[in-house]
Amino acid sequence: MCSLPASRLTNGIFVTMSHAYPTPASPCEAEIEIKKSRFIARALKVHDRSAALNAVEQIRIDYPDARHYCWAYLLGNPQSATSAAMSDDGEPSGTAGKPILNVLQHKGVGDVLVIVVRYFGGIKLGAGGLVRAYGGAAEAVMSMLPTEQAIAMNRVTLMFDFAQEQALRHWAGLHGMQIDDVDYAQRVRLSAELPKAHVATLLDYCAGRNISITVASEESD
């Protein structure tokens, strides 16, 4: 279970903070060879499990003759990841996906997937050899991976009168607020993600305008 980001209450508005963290800036590949087996590692940015599995399918297409396609991913802030998963893809249990994930957990990079493709060279490596090989391939690609800082975002849900919507949408456009959902009932309910740098400005905007915000829940980007 991951820990939730800290929240604060200001002017009747709850805002949950998420901290910036490094993410892959672009895909990267590295290759190592151990006893005639080739280990090709690919690292790339993913935001959810579906994107990760799609990337695994893509590498199967890119390297159709390989024996194994082992992988691990870490989603969200690496200090309190929202999700992590791994696969040995036919290798002995614990010898492929786990060492890849161990590397990711020590690199401080979030929203990252590493896939290691193995072309079998005819010589068995043993459990210890496989752990070192998959971990080494993951280490090789992560050491080359270019990163960029993810923008720290805060999720906010606002409740306001219909007459205020146009002005609020204009404010959102000026401050990089990404609107996810809008529901019209007695009042307008708007859910959005806002760059952390603009939270104080939002608090000032809402103050005195009868705009309320429910408790936010932001755990990633």
Foldseek 3Di string as FASTA:
>chain_A
DFDFADWDADLQAIWGWADKFKAFPAKWWDWDDDPQKIKIKIKDAAADPVVQVVVLVVVCVVVVPFDFKWKKAFAFFLVGTPDIDIDPRPDPPPLAGVLLVVLVSPLRYHRMMMIITIHDRPDDLPSVRSNCNNNVRSNVGSVVGDIDMDFIKIKKKKWAAPVCVVVVVVVCVVQVWAWDDWDDDRTIITITIGGPVCPVVVSVVCNPRPMHIDHTGDGHD
